[in-house]
Amino acid sequence: MSRHPSVEGISRYLDPNPNLRGTMREVADATRAFADDVLDLIPDDSPELSAGLRKLLEAKDCFVRAALDAHLAP
């Protein structure tokens, strides 16, 4: 199914970085899985869907940084 370009564009950035390892990769994978579930549940694109995906992308970045901080903690 083809999605609106804004949804596809944001969704692309939710793909985990292949360089992530360990917990950071697990967090990124879980966020991607959640995004996929949401996209399956909400088949109609809208400005609110795009906004939610943008916020999820921002949250994913925060989660990955938190996992990095936890990994680097003494």
PDB file of N, CA and C in Angstrom:
ATOM      1  N   MET A   1       0.843  -1.177   0.000  1.00  0.00           N
ATOM      2  CA  MET A   1       0.000   0.000   0.000  1.00  0.00           C
ATOM      3  C   MET A   1       0.889   1.240   0.000  1.00  0.00           C
ATOM      4  N   SER A   2       0.554   2.174  -0.824  1.00  0.00           N
ATOM      5  CA  SER A   2       1.316   3.404  -0.909  1.00  0.00           C
ATOM      6  C   SER A   2       0.830   4.397   0.143  1.00  0.00           C
ATOM      7  N   ARG A   3       1.779   5.025   0.814  1.00  0.00           N
ATOM      8  CA  ARG A   3       1.448   5.997   1.848  1.00  0.00           C
ATOM      9  C   ARG A   3       1.768   7.392   1.330  1.00  0.00           C
ATOM     10  N   HIS A   4       1.244   8.395   2.026  1.00  0.00           N
ATOM     11  CA  HIS A   4       1.539   9.786   1.695  1.00  0.00           C
ATOM     12  C   HIS A   4       3.050  10.006   1.850  1.00  0.00           C
ATOM     13  N   PRO A   5       3.649  10.844   0.993  1.00  0.00           N
ATOM     14  CA  PRO A   5       5.099  11.067   1.077  1.00  0.00           C
ATOM     15  C   PRO A   5       5.586  11.511   2.462  1.00  0.00           C
ATOM     16  N   SER A   6       4.781  12.274   3.181  1.00  0.00           N
ATOM     17  CA  SER A   6       5.225  12.699   4.521  1.00  0.00           C
ATOM     18  C   SER A   6       5.301  11.509   5.474  1.00  0.00           C
ATOM     19  N   VAL A   7       4.351  10.585   5.354  1.00  0.00           N
ATOM     20  CA  VAL A   7       4.357   9.391   6.204  1.00  0.00           C
ATOM     21  C   VAL A   7       5.525   8.492   5.814  1.00  0.00           C
ATOM     22  N   GLU A   8       5.733   8.288   4.527  1.00  0.00           N
ATOM     23  CA  GLU A   8       6.849   7.455   4.074  1.00  0.00           C
ATOM     24  C   GLU A   8       8.191   8.059   4.475  1.00  0.00           C
ATOM     25  N   GLY A   9       8.303   9.379   4.358  1.00  0.00           N
ATOM     26  CA  GLY A   9       9.559  10.035   4.691  1.00  0.00           C
ATOM     27  C   GLY A   9       9.928   9.889   6.149  1.00  0.00           C
ATOM     28  N   ILE A  10       8.961  10.114   7.012  1.00  0.00           N
ATOM     29  CA  ILE A  10       9.230   9.990   8.448  1.00  0.00           C
ATOM     30  C   ILE A  10       9.470   8.532   8.813  1.00  0.00           C
ATOM     31  N   SER A  11       8.673   7.656   8.234  1.00  0.00           N
ATOM     32  CA  SER A  11       8.790   6.240   8.531  1.00  0.00           C
ATOM     33  C   SER A  11      10.177   5.714   8.177  1.00  0.00           C
ATOM     34  N   ARG A  12      10.750   6.218   7.100  1.00  0.00           N
ATOM     35  CA  ARG A  12      12.084   5.785   6.673  1.00  0.00           C
ATOM     36  C   ARG A  12      13.119   6.055   7.764  1.00  0.00           C
ATOM     37  N   TYR A  13      12.985   7.194   8.448  1.00  0.00           N
ATOM     38  CA  TYR A  13      13.947   7.543   9.492  1.00  0.00           C
ATOM     39  C   TYR A  13      13.774   6.701  10.759  1.00  0.00           C
ATOM     40  N   LEU A  14      12.674   5.981  10.856  1.00  0.00           N
ATOM     41  CA  LEU A  14      12.472   5.105  12.006  1.00  0.00           C
ATOM     42  C   LEU A  14      13.174   3.761  11.843  1.00  0.00           C
ATOM     43  N   ASP A  15      13.724   3.498  10.649  1.00  0.00           N
ATOM     44  CA  ASP A  15      14.506   2.273  10.471  1.00  0.00           C
ATOM     45  C   ASP A  15      15.758   2.365  11.329  1.00  0.00           C
ATOM     46  N   PRO A  16      16.082   1.304  12.070  1.00  0.00           N
ATOM     47  CA  PRO A  16      17.257   1.355  12.946  1.00  0.00           C
ATOM     48  C   PRO A  16      18.550   1.535  12.156  1.00  0.00           C
ATOM     49  N   ASN A  17      19.446   2.300  12.723  1.00  0.00           N
ATOM     50  CA  ASN A  17      20.773   2.465  12.144  1.00  0.00           C
ATOM     51  C   ASN A  17      21.488   1.118  12.225  1.00  0.00           C
ATOM     52  N   PRO A  18      22.029   0.619  11.116  1.00  0.00           N
ATOM     53  CA  PRO A  18      22.684  -0.698  11.149  1.00  0.00           C
ATOM     54  C   PRO A  18      23.930  -0.737  12.028  1.00  0.00           C
ATOM     55  N   ASN A  19      24.444   0.420  12.424  1.00  0.00           N
ATOM     56  CA  ASN A  19      25.634   0.461  13.265  1.00  0.00           C
ATOM     57  C   ASN A  19      25.316   0.337  14.753  1.00  0.00           C
ATOM     58  N   LEU A  20      24.041   0.402  15.114  1.00  0.00           N
ATOM     59  CA  LEU A  20      23.676   0.282  16.530  1.00  0.00           C
ATOM     60  C   LEU A  20      23.890  -1.149  17.004  1.00  0.00           C
ATOM     61  N   ARG A  21      24.323  -1.282  18.231  1.00  0.00           N
ATOM     62  CA  ARG A  21      24.559  -2.599  18.820  1.00  0.00           C
ATOM     63  C   ARG A  21      23.891  -2.679  20.183  1.00  0.00           C
ATOM     64  N   GLY A  22      23.701  -3.901  20.639  1.00  0.00           N
ATOM     65  CA  GLY A  22      23.210  -4.155  21.987  1.00  0.00           C
ATOM     66  C   GLY A  22      21.852  -3.538  22.271  1.00  0.00           C
ATOM     67  N   THR A  23      21.754  -2.958  23.456  1.00  0.00           N
ATOM     68  CA  THR A  23      20.489  -2.386  23.918  1.00  0.00           C
ATOM     69  C   THR A  23      20.021  -1.260  23.007  1.00  0.00           C
ATOM     70  N   MET A  24      20.963  -0.495  22.475  1.00  0.00           N
ATOM     71  CA  MET A  24      20.571   0.602  21.572  1.00  0.00           C
ATOM     72  C   MET A  24      19.845   0.046  20.355  1.00  0.00           C
ATOM     73  N   ARG A  25      20.314  -1.064  19.812  1.00  0.00           N
ATOM     74  CA  ARG A  25      19.662  -1.687  18.656  1.00  0.00           C
ATOM     75  C   ARG A  25      18.293  -2.246  19.057  1.00  0.00           C
ATOM     76  N   GLU A  26      18.214  -2.846  20.233  1.00  0.00           N
ATOM     77  CA  GLU A  26      16.941  -3.396  20.705  1.00  0.00           C
ATOM     78  C   GLU A  26      15.892  -2.298  20.854  1.00  0.00           C
ATOM     79  N   VAL A  27      16.309  -1.159  21.398  1.00  0.00           N
ATOM     80  CA  VAL A  27      15.400  -0.027  21.568  1.00  0.00           C
ATOM     81  C   VAL A  27      14.937   0.485  20.207  1.00  0.00           C
ATOM     82  N   ALA A  28      15.864   0.633  19.274  1.00  0.00           N
ATOM     83  CA  ALA A  28      15.517   1.113  17.935  1.00  0.00           C
ATOM     84  C   ALA A  28      14.600   0.119  17.221  1.00  0.00           C
ATOM     85  N   ASP A  29      14.870  -1.174  17.370  1.00  0.00           N
ATOM     86  CA  ASP A  29      14.015  -2.201  16.753  1.00  0.00           C
ATOM     87  C   ASP A  29      12.608  -2.170  17.342  1.00  0.00           C
ATOM     88  N   ALA A  30      12.513  -2.001  18.662  1.00  0.00           N
ATOM     89  CA  ALA A  30      11.200  -1.956  19.307  1.00  0.00           C
ATOM     90  C   ALA A  30      10.396  -0.746  18.837  1.00  0.00           C
ATOM     91  N   THR A  31      11.081   0.378  18.665  1.00  0.00           N
ATOM     92  CA  THR A  31      10.399   1.580  18.183  1.00  0.00           C
ATOM     93  C   THR A  31       9.909   1.375  16.760  1.00  0.00           C
ATOM     94  N   ARG A  32      10.719   0.753  15.915  1.00  0.00           N
ATOM     95  CA  ARG A  32      10.310   0.467  14.532  1.00  0.00           C
ATOM     96  C   ARG A  32       9.093  -0.460  14.528  1.00  0.00           C
ATOM     97  N   ALA A  33       9.119  -1.487  15.377  1.00  0.00           N
ATOM     98  CA  ALA A  33       8.002  -2.424  15.454  1.00  0.00           C
ATOM     99  C   ALA A  33       6.722  -1.707  15.882  1.00  0.00           C
ATOM    100  N   PHE A  34       6.845  -0.805  16.853  1.00  0.00           N
ATOM    101  CA  PHE A  34       5.681  -0.040  17.297  1.00  0.00           C
ATOM    102  C   PHE A  34       5.141   0.824  16.159  1.00  0.00           C
ATOM    103  N   ALA A  35       6.033   1.479  15.435  1.00  0.00           N
ATOM    104  CA  ALA A  35       5.614   2.308  14.300  1.00  0.00           C
ATOM    105  C   ALA A  35       4.881   1.463  13.261  1.00  0.00           C
ATOM    106  N   ASP A  36       5.392   0.270  12.993  1.00  0.00           N
ATOM    107  CA  ASP A  36       4.730  -0.620  12.032  1.00  0.00           C
ATOM    108  C   ASP A  36       3.332  -0.992  12.506  1.00  0.00           C
ATOM    109  N   ASP A  37       3.198  -1.277  13.802  1.00  0.00           N
ATOM    110  CA  ASP A  37       1.881  -1.604  14.357  1.00  0.00           C
ATOM    111  C   ASP A  37       0.910  -0.431  14.197  1.00  0.00           C
ATOM    112  N   VAL A  38       1.382   0.766  14.496  1.00  0.00           N
ATOM    113  CA  VAL A  38       0.531   1.954  14.375  1.00  0.00           C
ATOM    114  C   VAL A  38       0.114   2.147  12.916  1.00  0.00           C
ATOM    115  N   LEU A  39       1.049   1.995  12.003  1.00  0.00           N
ATOM    116  CA  LEU A  39       0.728   2.171  10.583  1.00  0.00           C
ATOM    117  C   LEU A  39      -0.270   1.118  10.099  1.00  0.00           C
ATOM    118  N   ASP A  40      -0.193  -0.085  10.668  1.00  0.00           N
ATOM    119  CA  ASP A  40      -1.180  -1.116  10.319  1.00  0.00           C
ATOM    120  C   ASP A  40      -2.560  -0.770  10.880  1.00  0.00           C
ATOM    121  N   LEU A  41      -2.589  -0.208  12.081  1.00  0.00           N
ATOM    122  CA  LEU A  41      -3.855   0.118  12.729  1.00  0.00           C
ATOM    123  C   LEU A  41      -4.526   1.360  12.156  1.00  0.00           C
ATOM    124  N   ILE A  42      -3.720   2.281  11.623  1.00  0.00           N
ATOM    125  CA  ILE A  42      -4.248   3.539  11.088  1.00  0.00           C
ATOM    126  C   ILE A  42      -3.910   3.585   9.596  1.00  0.00           C
ATOM    127  N   PRO A  43      -4.789   3.036   8.771  1.00  0.00           N
ATOM    128  CA  PRO A  43      -4.487   2.949   7.344  1.00  0.00           C
ATOM    129  C   PRO A  43      -4.637   4.271   6.590  1.00  0.00           C
ATOM    130  N   ASP A  44      -5.360   5.235   7.161  1.00  0.00           N
ATOM    131  CA  ASP A  44      -5.592   6.502   6.467  1.00  0.00           C
ATOM    132  C   ASP A  44      -4.580   7.542   6.941  1.00  0.00           C
ATOM    133  N   ASP A  45      -3.806   8.072   6.002  1.00  0.00           N
ATOM    134  CA  ASP A  45      -2.813   9.089   6.340  1.00  0.00           C
ATOM    135  C   ASP A  45      -3.499  10.403   6.675  1.00  0.00           C
ATOM    136  N   SER A  46      -2.873  11.138   7.589  1.00  0.00           N
ATOM    137  CA  SER A  46      -3.429  12.418   8.016  1.00  0.00           C
ATOM    138  C   SER A  46      -2.301  13.251   8.611  1.00  0.00           C
ATOM    139  N   PRO A  47      -2.543  14.540   8.779  1.00  0.00           N
ATOM    140  CA  PRO A  47      -1.530  15.366   9.445  1.00  0.00           C
ATOM    141  C   PRO A  47      -1.220  14.871  10.859  1.00  0.00           C
ATOM    142  N   GLU A  48      -2.215  14.361  11.553  1.00  0.00           N
ATOM    143  CA  GLU A  48      -1.991  13.867  12.920  1.00  0.00           C
ATOM    144  C   GLU A  48      -1.109  12.628  12.914  1.00  0.00           C
ATOM    145  N   LEU A  49      -1.281  11.754  11.926  1.00  0.00           N
ATOM    146  CA  LEU A  49      -0.424  10.567  11.833  1.00  0.00           C
ATOM    147  C   LEU A  49       1.019  10.997  11.584  1.00  0.00           C
ATOM    148  N   SER A  50       1.211  11.934  10.682  1.00  0.00           N
ATOM    149  CA  SER A  50       2.568  12.433  10.415  1.00  0.00           C
ATOM    150  C   SER A  50       3.173  13.055  11.664  1.00  0.00           C
ATOM    151  N   ALA A  51       2.388  13.842  12.386  1.00  0.00           N
ATOM    152  CA  ALA A  51       2.884  14.474  13.610  1.00  0.00           C
ATOM    153  C   ALA A  51       3.255  13.420  14.652  1.00  0.00           C
ATOM    154  N   GLY A  52       2.413  12.407  14.791  1.00  0.00           N
ATOM    155  CA  GLY A  52       2.707  11.344  15.748  1.00  0.00           C
ATOM    156  C   GLY A  52       3.976  10.591  15.397  1.00  0.00           C
ATOM    157  N   LEU A  53       4.180  10.326  14.113  1.00  0.00           N
ATOM    158  CA  LEU A  53       5.401   9.641  13.697  1.00  0.00           C
ATOM    159  C   LEU A  53       6.635  10.519  13.933  1.00  0.00           C
ATOM    160  N   ARG A  54       6.506  11.822  13.700  1.00  0.00           N
ATOM    161  CA  ARG A  54       7.632  12.729  13.972  1.00  0.00           C
ATOM    162  C   ARG A  54       7.985  12.706  15.452  1.00  0.00           C
ATOM    163  N   LYS A  55       6.979  12.702  16.303  1.00  0.00           N
ATOM    164  CA  LYS A  55       7.222  12.667  17.743  1.00  0.00           C
ATOM    165  C   LYS A  55       7.810  11.319  18.161  1.00  0.00           C
ATOM    166  N   LEU A  56       7.368  10.242  17.517  1.00  0.00           N
ATOM    167  CA  LEU A  56       7.935   8.931  17.800  1.00  0.00           C
ATOM    168  C   LEU A  56       9.401   8.887  17.382  1.00  0.00           C
ATOM    169  N   LEU A  57       9.727   9.501  16.260  1.00  0.00           N
ATOM    170  CA  LEU A  57      11.119   9.570  15.822  1.00  0.00           C
ATOM    171  C   LEU A  57      11.970  10.315  16.848  1.00  0.00           C
ATOM    172  N   GLU A  58      11.452  11.426  17.334  1.00  0.00           N
ATOM    173  CA  GLU A  58      12.167  12.183  18.358  1.00  0.00           C
ATOM    174  C   GLU A  58      12.334  11.341  19.628  1.00  0.00           C
ATOM    175  N   ALA A  59      11.285  10.627  20.006  1.00  0.00           N
ATOM    176  CA  ALA A  59      11.350   9.776  21.193  1.00  0.00           C
ATOM    177  C   ALA A  59      12.360   8.646  20.995  1.00  0.00           C
ATOM    178  N   LYS A  60      12.373   8.049  19.806  1.00  0.00           N
ATOM    179  CA  LYS A  60      13.338   6.975  19.530  1.00  0.00           C
ATOM    180  C   LYS A  60      14.759   7.480  19.726  1.00  0.00           C
ATOM    181  N   ASP A  61      15.050   8.663  19.219  1.00  0.00           N
ATOM    182  CA  ASP A  61      16.388   9.225  19.380  1.00  0.00           C
ATOM    183  C   ASP A  61      16.726   9.396  20.863  1.00  0.00           C
ATOM    184  N   CYS A  62      15.764   9.862  21.644  1.00  0.00           N
ATOM    185  CA  CYS A  62      15.974  10.005  23.095  1.00  0.00           C
ATOM    186  C   CYS A  62      16.205   8.649  23.752  1.00  0.00           C
ATOM    187  N   PHE A  63      15.413   7.648  23.385  1.00  0.00           N
ATOM    188  CA  PHE A  63      15.554   6.311  23.958  1.00  0.00           C
ATOM    189  C   PHE A  63      16.924   5.714  23.642  1.00  0.00           C
ATOM    190  N   VAL A  64      17.372   5.883  22.395  1.00  0.00           N
ATOM    191  CA  VAL A  64      18.671   5.344  22.001  1.00  0.00           C
ATOM    192  C   VAL A  64      19.788   6.053  22.774  1.00  0.00           C
ATOM    193  N   ARG A  65      19.676   7.369  22.926  1.00  0.00           N
ATOM    194  CA  ARG A  65      20.690   8.091  23.708  1.00  0.00           C
ATOM    195  C   ARG A  65      20.669   7.642  25.169  1.00  0.00           C
ATOM    196  N   ALA A  66      19.493   7.377  25.718  1.00  0.00           N
ATOM    197  CA  ALA A  66      19.405   6.884  27.096  1.00  0.00           C
ATOM    198  C   ALA A  66      20.086   5.518  27.212  1.00  0.00           C
ATOM    199  N   ALA A  67      19.898   4.657  26.221  1.00  0.00           N
ATOM    200  CA  ALA A  67      20.558   3.350  26.228  1.00  0.00           C
ATOM    201  C   ALA A  67      22.072   3.521  26.108  1.00  0.00           C
ATOM    202  N   LEU A  68      22.510   4.482  25.322  1.00  0.00           N
ATOM    203  CA  LEU A  68      23.942   4.758  25.210  1.00  0.00           C
ATOM    204  C   LEU A  68      24.498   5.242  26.536  1.00  0.00           C
ATOM    205  N   ASP A  69      23.783   6.157  27.181  1.00  0.00           N
ATOM    206  CA  ASP A  69      24.218   6.668  28.489  1.00  0.00           C
ATOM    207  C   ASP A  69      24.325   5.522  29.509  1.00  0.00           C
ATOM    208  N   ALA A  70      23.345   4.625  29.485  1.00  0.00           N
ATOM    209  CA  ALA A  70      23.357   3.500  30.409  1.00  0.00           C
ATOM    210  C   ALA A  70      24.555   2.587  30.122  1.00  0.00           C
ATOM    211  N   HIS A  71      24.875   2.450  28.848  1.00  0.00           N
ATOM    212  CA  HIS A  71      26.008   1.605  28.446  1.00  0.00           C
ATOM    213  C   HIS A  71      27.344   2.229  28.872  1.00  0.00           C
ATOM    214  N   LEU A  72      27.416   3.563  28.825  1.00  0.00           N
ATOM    215  CA  LEU A  72      28.654   4.253  29.141  1.00  0.00           C
ATOM    216  C   LEU A  72      28.837   4.531  30.638  1.00  0.00           C
ATOM    217  N   ALA A  73      27.760   4.359  31.412  1.00  0.00           N
ATOM    218  CA  ALA A  73      27.827   4.643  32.851  1.00  0.00           C
ATOM    219  C   ALA A  73      28.806   3.703  33.529  1.00  0.00           C
ATOM    220  N   PRO A  74      29.553   4.239  34.500  1.00  0.00           N
ATOM    221  CA  PRO A  74      30.543   3.385  35.203  1.00  0.00           C
ATOM    222  C   PRO A  74      29.883   2.340  36.075  1.00  0.00           C
TER     223      PRO A  74
END
